[in-house]
């Protein structure tokens, strides 16, 4: 009988924190500046320069730890991790090995297999390294130190995951928690959230772990899922051939759907860790911890429960809206103005989602104001514009954040409620379409639809359809 294998997966997730400045200096953390423009003697590792810890980094790390049920280390410190690499300016990285800021936490996930708690071994703070830019033209590598010193937390899970589906559920849960906290935007494509996958396989029923490999270079959830399937198959093939898996770091190539060895996997002793001599210990008082606790936001699960009670909108809508902190904030702001949750939800679920998809954008990229959507909904509700006009105006709100009242006035799109003007237009249309009038009178109800259409055309879509119907029926009877 063929052997049955199970996959054992643990993740190391690096998250760039949303501070304005770096972890140990005052340089900007903004993404995408010209190479080496966000740098100073500290983050480029100049001799004699000294680090100073950014307090906000500690607060974000504590907030993430509290939200993932961790114990917070009250007396911590930083350590030096020594390694030589061209993008690492000091030839060491300031990190935390012995006393990480958070330990022994968990997050709850839900998949087709049901609910499961994924353990978090620890969360520690550290600085990011620079970035190597490979110049094909000159056939050389250049170093950009803008990212060097950007604050990171590394979230190290227990090896509790058994499938790609569980891994994605865990990452999505982490991403949402961190986005709700405002601690990071967690954009995988910009590298502000990166996951390294530690994976081994063993025979079903076996207690011992197999030899693990670590996979890097994973910048989307799809790539992570493909890399897990690819590495699992590769390790099973090795074992089936009687070979053994080598403990190493591998790089995943998503285009070729193949991973290749980068280097043998280092252990802690290879880095010669020792306490960072230039930084004082991190002491977290009861008062400071309580202050961070009191600033924790309402998270997604709590939001879902409140939305069900407060807004009476469908579960499906609630699920989509709360899946993005930005969208949930937008929804609540618009509802606070127009007091019409179902209408706001309909515009977000319908036209907004359609336009986002067409523009290949995420809900996070919505740049129009909740005030303008609420205004549009109020205008439609008051009968100042009709639905086709509202849809047209909304496209301009979405793209240019126009003021709907102003736009409707400037473009003459307001509904014509002047009964006299409307009646004379309808009388003319009735006179010009004797066949439709005849059809309607002989019982063909659909014929009135044609006459409504002709009226709307004549009125350039600005008539009130209810009023048009009313006048038509009156004239035809």
Protein backbone atom coordinates (compact mmCIF):
# COMPACT_ATOMS: atom_id res chain seq x y z
CA UNK A 1 0.00 0.00 0.00
CA UNK A 2 1.28 3.48 -0.92
CA UNK A 3 2.54 5.54 2.00
CA UNK A 4 0.38 8.41 3.21
CA UNK A 5 2.20 11.67 4.01
CA UNK A 6 1.20 14.78 5.93
CA UNK A 7 2.67 18.26 5.54
CA UNK A 8 3.89 20.16 8.61
CA UNK A 9 4.15 23.93 8.11
CA UNK A 10 5.31 26.82 10.26
CA UNK A 11 5.61 30.41 9.09
CA UNK A 12 7.94 33.32 9.76
CA UNK A 13 6.02 36.44 8.80
CA UNK A 14 7.88 39.75 8.53
CA UNK A 15 5.72 42.86 8.76
CA UNK A 16 7.01 46.39 8.06
CA UNK A 17 5.49 48.71 10.65
CA UNK A 18 3.66 51.89 9.64
CA UNK A 19 5.86 54.32 11.56
CA UNK A 20 6.85 57.55 9.81
CA UNK A 21 10.50 57.05 10.72
CA UNK A 22 12.89 54.10 11.00
CA UNK A 23 13.43 51.95 14.10
CA UNK A 24 16.73 53.49 15.27
CA UNK A 25 16.97 56.85 13.42
CA UNK A 26 14.83 59.70 12.11
CA UNK A 27 14.93 58.74 8.40
CA UNK A 28 11.68 58.37 6.45
CA UNK A 29 10.17 54.91 5.94
CA UNK A 30 8.14 56.00 2.84
CA UNK A 31 8.06 53.40 0.07
CA UNK A 32 9.53 54.18 -3.34
CA UNK A 33 11.96 57.10 -2.79
CA UNK A 34 14.97 57.49 -5.12
CA UNK A 35 17.73 55.03 -4.07
CA UNK A 36 19.70 55.99 -0.94
CA UNK A 37 17.75 59.21 -0.27
CA UNK A 38 16.13 58.04 3.01
CA UNK A 39 19.43 57.39 4.75
CA UNK A 40 21.76 58.76 7.46
CA UNK A 41 24.94 57.60 9.30
CA UNK A 42 22.87 55.30 11.62
CA UNK A 43 20.97 53.29 8.99
CA UNK A 44 23.98 53.06 6.68
CA UNK A 45 26.10 51.67 9.53
CA UNK A 46 28.73 54.42 9.77
CA UNK A 47 31.33 53.89 12.53
CA UNK A 48 30.53 55.78 15.72
CA UNK A 49 26.84 56.31 14.95
CA UNK A 50 24.44 55.17 17.70
CA UNK A 51 20.89 53.78 17.50
CA UNK A 52 17.95 55.29 19.45
CA UNK A 53 14.81 53.14 19.75
CA UNK A 54 11.56 54.44 18.20
CA UNK A 55 8.87 54.18 20.91
CA UNK A 56 6.07 53.72 18.36
CA UNK A 57 7.69 50.46 17.18
CA UNK A 58 7.39 49.00 20.68
CA UNK A 59 3.73 50.11 20.91
CA UNK A 60 2.82 48.53 17.56
CA UNK A 61 4.57 45.29 18.56
CA UNK A 62 2.70 45.27 21.90
CA UNK A 63 -0.63 45.95 20.13
CA UNK A 64 -0.11 43.05 17.69
CA UNK A 65 0.93 40.81 20.59
CA UNK A 66 -2.20 41.68 22.60
CA UNK A 67 -4.43 41.09 19.56
CA UNK A 68 -2.87 37.65 19.01
CA UNK A 69 -3.27 36.54 22.64
CA UNK A 70 0.45 36.73 23.48
CA UNK A 71 2.18 37.29 26.81
CA UNK A 72 4.04 40.62 26.72
CA UNK A 73 7.66 40.50 27.94
CA UNK A 74 7.91 43.22 30.58
CA UNK A 75 11.72 43.31 30.76
CA UNK A 76 13.20 42.80 27.32
CA UNK A 77 16.29 43.73 25.35
CA UNK A 78 17.78 43.70 21.86
CA UNK A 79 20.49 41.38 20.52
CA UNK A 80 23.02 41.56 17.72
CA UNK A 81 22.69 38.96 14.98
CA UNK A 82 26.01 38.88 13.13
CA UNK A 83 26.23 38.06 9.45
CA UNK A 84 27.98 39.47 6.43
CA UNK A 85 25.78 40.31 3.45
CA UNK A 86 26.20 43.20 0.99
CA UNK A 87 22.83 44.82 1.82
CA UNK A 88 23.44 44.64 5.59
CA UNK A 89 25.38 47.87 6.31
CA UNK A 90 26.73 47.16 9.82
CA UNK A 91 27.45 43.45 9.11
CA UNK A 92 24.99 42.72 11.92
CA UNK A 93 21.27 43.15 12.42
CA UNK A 94 19.72 44.42 15.64
CA UNK A 95 17.03 41.87 16.54
CA UNK A 96 15.69 39.97 19.58
CA UNK A 97 16.64 36.36 20.30
CA UNK A 98 16.59 35.77 24.06
CA UNK A 99 13.77 38.04 25.24
CA UNK A 100 11.36 38.70 22.35
CA UNK A 101 8.62 41.23 23.14
CA UNK A 102 5.72 38.75 22.71
CA UNK A 103 5.46 35.01 23.39
CA UNK A 104 3.01 32.08 23.54
CA UNK A 105 0.06 33.48 21.60
CA UNK A 106 -2.42 32.07 19.08
CA UNK A 107 -4.90 33.10 16.40
CA UNK A 108 -8.07 31.21 15.56
CA UNK A 109 -8.70 30.30 11.94
CA UNK A 110 -11.60 28.68 10.14
CA UNK A 111 -11.36 26.48 7.02
CA UNK A 112 -13.47 23.71 5.46
CA UNK A 113 -11.95 21.46 8.13
CA UNK A 114 -13.51 23.60 10.89
CA UNK A 115 -12.00 25.89 13.53
CA UNK A 116 -8.39 25.62 14.69
CA UNK A 117 -5.99 27.61 16.87
CA UNK A 118 -2.58 28.28 15.31
CA UNK A 119 0.08 28.84 17.96
CA UNK A 120 2.39 31.84 17.86
CA UNK A 121 5.78 30.97 19.30
CA UNK A 122 6.98 34.57 19.50
CA UNK A 123 6.94 38.04 17.97
CA UNK A 124 10.16 40.02 17.97
CA UNK A 125 11.22 43.48 16.79
CA UNK A 126 14.12 44.00 14.41
CA UNK A 127 15.46 46.26 11.67
CA UNK A 128 15.16 45.49 7.96
CA UNK A 129 18.20 45.22 5.71
CA UNK A 130 18.78 47.20 2.51
CA UNK A 131 17.93 45.95 -0.95
CA UNK A 132 20.15 44.67 -3.75
CA UNK A 133 19.21 45.95 -7.19
CA UNK A 134 20.55 43.80 -10.02
CA UNK A 135 21.55 45.86 -13.04
CA UNK A 136 21.28 43.59 -16.10
CA UNK A 137 22.75 46.27 -18.37
CA UNK A 138 26.00 46.79 -16.45
CA UNK A 139 25.98 43.19 -15.16
CA UNK A 140 26.45 44.26 -11.54
CA UNK A 141 24.49 44.63 -8.29
CA UNK A 142 23.84 47.97 -6.59
CA UNK A 143 22.75 48.52 -3.00
CA UNK A 144 19.82 50.73 -1.98
CA UNK A 145 19.80 51.43 1.77
CA UNK A 146 16.37 53.15 1.88
CA UNK A 147 14.83 50.03 3.42
CA UNK A 148 17.71 49.53 5.84
CA UNK A 149 16.48 50.25 9.37
CA UNK A 150 12.78 50.11 8.48
CA UNK A 151 11.10 48.63 11.58
CA UNK A 152 9.90 45.02 11.35
CA UNK A 153 8.14 42.60 13.59
CA UNK A 154 8.72 38.93 12.88
CA UNK A 155 5.81 36.69 13.83
CA UNK A 156 7.00 33.12 14.28
CA UNK A 157 4.23 30.51 14.33
CA UNK A 158 4.32 27.03 15.81
CA UNK A 159 4.43 24.22 13.19
CA UNK A 160 0.64 23.85 13.51
CA UNK A 161 -0.48 24.16 9.88
CA UNK A 162 -1.12 21.11 7.69
CA UNK A 163 -2.20 22.53 4.33
CA UNK A 164 -1.92 25.55 2.02
CA UNK A 165 -5.55 26.36 2.89
CA UNK A 166 -4.70 26.66 6.61
CA UNK A 167 -1.64 28.79 5.81
CA UNK A 168 -3.69 31.25 3.73
CA UNK A 169 -6.42 31.42 6.41
CA UNK A 170 -3.75 32.17 9.05
CA UNK A 171 -2.09 34.86 6.91
CA UNK A 172 -5.42 36.50 6.07
CA UNK A 173 -6.35 36.57 9.77
CA UNK A 174 -2.97 38.09 10.71
CA UNK A 175 -3.17 40.65 7.92
CA UNK A 176 -6.65 41.78 8.98
CA UNK A 177 -5.65 42.08 12.66
CA UNK A 178 -2.59 44.17 11.76
CA UNK A 179 -4.51 46.36 9.28
CA UNK A 180 -7.29 46.97 11.82
CA UNK A 181 -4.60 48.07 14.31
CA UNK A 182 -3.12 50.42 11.71
CA UNK A 183 0.27 48.86 12.49
CA UNK A 184 1.01 48.15 8.78
CA UNK A 185 -0.74 48.22 5.41
CA UNK A 186 0.46 44.60 4.89
CA UNK A 187 0.87 44.97 1.11
CA UNK A 188 2.56 41.77 -0.07
CA UNK A 189 3.34 43.30 -3.48
CA UNK A 190 5.32 46.15 -1.82
CA UNK A 191 7.02 43.78 0.61
CA UNK A 192 5.43 45.27 3.75
CA UNK A 193 4.27 41.72 4.60
CA UNK A 194 6.51 38.80 3.68
CA UNK A 195 6.16 35.17 4.63
CA UNK A 196 8.87 32.51 4.74
CA UNK A 197 7.46 29.00 4.72
CA UNK A 198 9.12 26.26 6.79
CA UNK A 199 7.85 22.93 5.49
CA UNK A 200 8.54 19.29 6.18
CA UNK A 201 6.65 16.08 5.54
CA UNK A 202 6.23 12.90 7.54
CA UNK A 203 4.26 9.71 7.29
CA UNK A 204 0.75 9.96 8.68
CA UNK A 205 0.80 8.80 12.33
CA UNK A 206 4.50 9.62 12.75
CA UNK A 207 5.31 11.77 15.82
CA UNK A 208 8.79 13.00 14.80
CA UNK A 209 9.10 15.95 12.42
CA UNK A 210 10.80 15.44 9.07
CA UNK A 211 13.71 17.63 7.85
CA UNK A 212 12.39 21.08 7.01
CA UNK A 213 13.27 23.50 4.26
CA UNK A 214 12.61 27.24 4.31
CA UNK A 215 11.18 28.95 1.23
CA UNK A 216 11.70 32.65 0.55
CA UNK A 217 10.63 35.12 -2.20
CA UNK A 218 6.89 34.68 -1.76
CA UNK A 219 5.04 37.91 -2.54
CA UNK A 220 1.39 36.85 -2.96
CA UNK A 221 -1.02 34.41 -1.34
CA UNK A 222 -1.28 32.56 -4.67
CA UNK A 223 2.52 32.18 -4.85
CA UNK A 224 2.57 30.88 -1.25
CA UNK A 225 -0.10 28.26 -2.03
CA UNK A 226 1.73 27.15 -5.20
CA UNK A 227 5.10 27.03 -3.39
CA UNK A 228 3.64 24.80 -0.64
CA UNK A 229 2.20 22.35 -3.18
CA UNK A 230 5.47 22.36 -5.16
CA UNK A 231 7.75 21.80 -2.17
CA UNK A 232 5.48 19.11 -0.70
CA UNK A 233 5.62 17.18 -4.02
CA UNK A 234 9.42 17.63 -4.24
CA UNK A 235 10.00 16.26 -0.70
CA UNK A 236 7.64 13.30 -1.22
CA UNK A 237 9.49 12.42 -4.46
CA UNK A 238 12.83 12.48 -2.62
CA UNK A 239 11.56 10.16 0.15
CA UNK A 240 9.92 7.80 -2.35
CA UNK A 241 13.27 7.50 -4.15
CA UNK A 242 14.95 6.62 -0.84
CA UNK A 243 16.84 9.94 -0.71
CA UNK A 244 16.82 12.35 2.22
CA UNK A 245 15.66 15.96 2.41
CA UNK A 246 18.46 18.48 3.03
CA UNK A 247 17.85 21.29 5.55
CA UNK A 248 18.32 24.39 3.43
CA UNK A 249 16.88 27.73 2.38
CA UNK A 250 15.21 27.62 -1.03
CA UNK A 251 14.04 30.37 -3.35
CA UNK A 252 10.68 29.99 -5.08
CA UNK A 253 10.38 31.03 -8.74
CA UNK A 254 6.67 31.63 -9.30
CA UNK A 255 6.91 31.85 -13.11
CA UNK A 256 8.60 28.46 -13.41
CA UNK A 257 6.70 27.09 -10.38
CA UNK A 258 9.94 25.62 -9.08
CA UNK A 259 12.17 26.20 -6.04
CA UNK A 260 15.95 25.97 -6.00
CA UNK A 261 18.48 25.83 -3.16
CA UNK A 262 20.03 29.13 -2.05
CA UNK A 263 22.11 28.12 0.97
CA UNK A 264 22.23 25.63 3.80
CA UNK A 265 19.95 26.64 6.68
CA UNK A 266 21.76 28.46 9.49
CA UNK A 267 21.13 27.83 13.18
CA UNK A 268 21.23 30.43 15.96
CA UNK A 269 24.87 29.63 16.86
CA UNK A 270 25.93 30.54 13.30
CA UNK A 271 24.89 34.14 13.99
CA UNK A 272 26.94 34.57 17.22
CA UNK A 273 24.14 36.48 18.97
CA UNK A 274 25.08 38.70 21.89
CA UNK A 275 23.25 41.51 23.77
CA UNK A 276 23.15 44.77 21.75
CA UNK A 277 25.57 47.04 23.70
CA UNK A 278 24.30 50.34 22.28
CA UNK A 279 20.66 50.04 23.44
CA UNK A 280 19.17 50.14 26.92
CA UNK A 281 16.78 47.33 28.02
CA UNK A 282 13.10 47.66 27.05
CA UNK A 283 11.07 47.94 30.26
CA UNK A 284 7.27 47.91 29.83
CA UNK A 285 5.38 49.30 32.82
CA UNK A 286 1.85 48.27 33.83
CA UNK A 287 0.71 51.79 33.00
CA UNK A 288 2.19 51.70 29.47
CA UNK A 289 0.72 48.25 28.79
CA UNK A 290 -2.73 49.40 29.96
CA UNK A 291 -2.51 52.47 27.77
CA UNK A 292 -1.82 50.30 24.67
CA UNK A 293 -4.65 47.93 25.71
CA UNK A 294 -7.12 50.80 25.99
CA UNK A 295 -6.23 51.97 22.46
CA UNK A 296 -7.01 48.59 20.83
CA UNK A 297 -9.67 49.03 18.11
CA UNK A 298 -12.87 47.09 17.47
CA UNK A 299 -11.64 44.06 15.48
CA UNK A 300 -13.42 42.33 12.63
CA UNK A 301 -15.24 39.65 14.68
CA UNK A 302 -16.67 42.33 17.01
CA UNK A 303 -17.61 44.49 14.02
CA UNK A 304 -19.48 41.61 12.35
CA UNK A 305 -21.58 41.05 15.50
CA UNK A 306 -22.35 44.77 15.81
CA UNK A 307 -23.23 45.22 12.11
CA UNK A 308 -25.75 42.36 12.30
CA UNK A 309 -27.51 44.04 15.18
CA UNK A 310 -27.15 47.68 14.23
CA UNK A 311 -27.46 47.84 10.44
CA UNK A 312 -29.61 44.86 9.39
CA UNK A 313 -27.73 44.33 6.14
CA UNK A 314 -27.13 40.85 4.61
CA UNK A 315 -24.39 38.63 6.08
CA UNK A 316 -22.71 38.53 2.66
CA UNK A 317 -22.40 42.34 2.61
CA UNK A 318 -21.10 42.37 6.19
CA UNK A 319 -18.47 39.77 5.30
CA UNK A 320 -17.13 41.76 2.33
CA UNK A 321 -17.26 45.18 4.05
CA UNK A 322 -15.50 44.07 7.26
CA UNK A 323 -12.86 42.19 5.26
CA UNK A 324 -11.18 45.56 4.67
CA UNK A 325 -10.59 48.04 7.49
CA UNK A 326 -10.65 50.89 4.97
CA UNK A 327 -14.02 49.76 3.54
CA UNK A 328 -15.53 49.30 7.03
CA UNK A 329 -14.41 52.80 8.08
CA UNK A 330 -15.80 54.22 4.83
CA UNK A 331 -19.15 52.43 5.28
CA UNK A 332 -19.55 53.68 8.87
CA UNK A 333 -18.65 57.26 7.93
CA UNK A 334 -21.18 57.33 5.05
CA UNK A 335 -23.94 55.76 7.19
CA UNK A 336 -23.32 58.30 9.96
CA UNK A 337 -24.12 61.08 7.45
CA UNK A 338 -27.11 59.70 5.47
CA UNK A 339 -28.47 57.16 8.02
CA UNK A 340 -29.22 54.65 5.21
CA UNK A 341 -27.04 51.54 5.80
CA UNK A 342 -28.72 49.37 3.15
CA UNK A 343 -28.29 52.01 0.43
CA UNK A 344 -24.62 52.62 1.35
CA UNK A 345 -24.03 48.87 1.37
CA UNK A 346 -25.73 48.49 -2.05
CA UNK A 347 -23.52 51.18 -3.62
CA UNK A 348 -20.37 49.60 -2.13
CA UNK A 349 -21.28 46.03 -3.07
CA UNK A 350 -22.51 46.95 -6.55
CA UNK A 351 -21.02 49.89 -8.44
CA UNK A 352 -17.96 50.37 -6.20
CA UNK A 353 -16.87 46.71 -6.46
CA UNK A 354 -17.47 46.76 -10.24
CA UNK A 355 -15.37 49.90 -10.75
CA UNK A 356 -12.60 48.58 -8.46
CA UNK A 357 -12.46 45.38 -10.51
CA UNK A 358 -12.38 47.28 -13.82
CA UNK A 359 -9.52 49.47 -12.57
CA UNK A 360 -7.70 46.48 -10.99
CA UNK A 361 -7.80 48.22 -7.59
CA UNK A 362 -8.24 47.01 -4.01
CA UNK A 363 -10.80 48.40 -1.51
CA UNK A 364 -7.78 50.05 0.22
CA UNK A 365 -7.33 52.19 -2.91
CA UNK A 366 -10.77 53.88 -2.64
CA UNK A 367 -10.01 57.60 -2.64
CA UNK A 368 -13.43 59.29 -2.89
CA UNK A 369 -15.07 60.65 0.23
CA UNK A 370 -17.89 59.02 2.21
CA UNK A 371 -19.55 62.49 2.34
CA UNK A 372 -20.00 62.52 -1.43
CA UNK A 373 -21.54 59.04 -1.56
CA UNK A 374 -23.91 59.94 1.32
CA UNK A 375 -24.90 63.16 -0.51
CA UNK A 376 -25.64 61.20 -3.70
CA UNK A 377 -27.83 58.73 -1.77
CA UNK A 378 -29.76 61.61 -0.16
CA UNK A 379 -30.30 63.29 -3.54
CA UNK A 380 -31.62 60.06 -5.04
CA UNK A 381 -33.85 59.46 -2.04
CA UNK A 382 -35.29 62.98 -2.24
CA UNK A 383 -36.07 62.50 -5.95
CA UNK A 384 -33.66 65.30 -6.97
CA UNK A 385 -32.04 62.88 -9.45
CA UNK A 386 -33.12 59.51 -10.82
CA UNK A 387 -31.19 56.24 -10.67
CA UNK A 388 -29.59 56.33 -14.17
CA UNK A 389 -28.28 59.84 -13.43
CA UNK A 390 -27.10 58.72 -9.97
CA UNK A 391 -25.10 55.89 -11.58
CA UNK A 392 -23.53 58.32 -14.06
CA UNK A 393 -22.64 60.80 -11.27
CA UNK A 394 -21.24 57.99 -9.12
CA UNK A 395 -18.68 57.06 -11.82
CA UNK A 396 -17.36 60.64 -11.58
CA UNK A 397 -17.37 60.50 -7.78
CA UNK A 398 -15.38 57.24 -7.91
CA UNK A 399 -12.79 58.58 -10.36
CA UNK A 400 -12.51 62.28 -9.43
CA UNK A 401 -14.35 62.57 -6.08
CA UNK A 402 -16.65 65.26 -7.55
CA UNK A 403 -19.20 67.00 -5.34
CA UNK A 404 -22.50 65.43 -6.55
CA UNK A 405 -24.68 68.52 -5.92
CA UNK A 406 -22.28 70.74 -7.83
CA UNK A 407 -21.85 68.21 -10.64
CA UNK A 408 -25.63 67.77 -11.09
CA UNK A 409 -26.16 71.56 -11.18
CA UNK A 410 -23.30 72.27 -13.57
CA UNK A 411 -24.37 69.51 -15.97
CA UNK A 412 -28.12 70.15 -15.75
CA UNK A 413 -28.88 66.61 -14.54
CA UNK A 414 -31.54 67.39 -11.94
CA UNK A 415 -34.89 65.65 -12.33
CA UNK A 416 -37.49 67.78 -14.12
CA UNK A 417 -40.39 67.95 -11.68
CA UNK A 418 -42.18 70.69 -13.62
CA UNK A 419 -45.47 68.98 -14.38
CA UNK A 420 -46.46 71.51 -17.05
CA UNK A 421 -43.26 71.02 -19.09
CA UNK A 422 -43.47 67.24 -18.67
CA UNK A 423 -47.16 67.08 -19.65
CA UNK A 424 -46.62 69.00 -22.89
CA UNK A 425 -43.69 66.71 -23.86
CA UNK A 426 -45.78 63.60 -23.14
CA UNK A 427 -48.80 64.95 -25.08
CA UNK A 428 -46.51 65.43 -28.10
CA UNK A 429 -45.13 61.87 -27.80
CA UNK A 430 -48.64 60.39 -27.49
CA UNK A 431 -49.70 62.34 -30.61
CA UNK A 432 -46.66 61.10 -32.56
CA UNK A 433 -47.10 57.41 -31.65
CA UNK A 434 -50.70 56.41 -32.50
CA UNK A 435 -49.77 52.73 -32.97
CA UNK A 436 -48.40 52.39 -29.38
CA UNK A 437 -51.48 54.18 -28.05
CA UNK A 438 -53.67 51.75 -30.00
CA UNK A 439 -51.68 48.73 -28.70
CA UNK A 440 -52.00 49.92 -25.09
CA UNK A 441 -55.74 50.48 -25.41
CA UNK A 442 -56.19 46.97 -26.89
CA UNK A 443 -54.65 45.48 -23.73
CA UNK A 444 -50.90 45.32 -24.53
CA UNK A 445 -49.53 46.68 -21.23
CA UNK A 446 -45.95 46.62 -22.57
CA UNK A 447 -46.74 49.41 -25.04
CA UNK A 448 -46.61 51.98 -22.23
CA UNK A 449 -42.95 51.06 -21.68
CA UNK A 450 -42.12 52.31 -25.19
CA UNK A 451 -43.87 55.63 -24.53
CA UNK A 452 -42.05 56.02 -21.17
CA UNK A 453 -38.76 55.35 -23.01
CA UNK A 454 -39.52 57.98 -25.66
CA UNK A 455 -40.39 60.51 -22.95
CA UNK A 456 -37.15 59.83 -21.04
CA UNK A 457 -35.23 60.20 -24.31
CA UNK A 458 -36.91 63.54 -25.03
CA UNK A 459 -36.19 64.69 -21.47
CA UNK A 460 -32.54 63.50 -21.73
CA UNK A 461 -33.14 60.98 -18.93
CA UNK A 462 -33.99 63.70 -16.40
CA UNK A 463 -37.70 63.08 -15.90
CA UNK A 464 -39.13 61.39 -12.82
CA UNK A 465 -40.21 57.94 -14.13
CA UNK A 466 -43.05 57.76 -11.56
CA UNK A 467 -44.48 61.06 -12.72
CA UNK A 468 -44.09 60.08 -16.41
CA UNK A 469 -46.05 56.85 -15.80
CA UNK A 470 -48.75 58.70 -13.91
CA UNK A 471 -49.31 61.36 -16.62
CA UNK A 472 -49.20 58.76 -19.43
CA UNK A 473 -51.86 56.55 -17.79
CA UNK A 474 -54.02 59.61 -17.22
CA UNK A 475 -53.74 60.71 -20.87
CA UNK A 476 -54.25 57.21 -22.29
CA UNK A 477 -57.35 56.48 -20.25
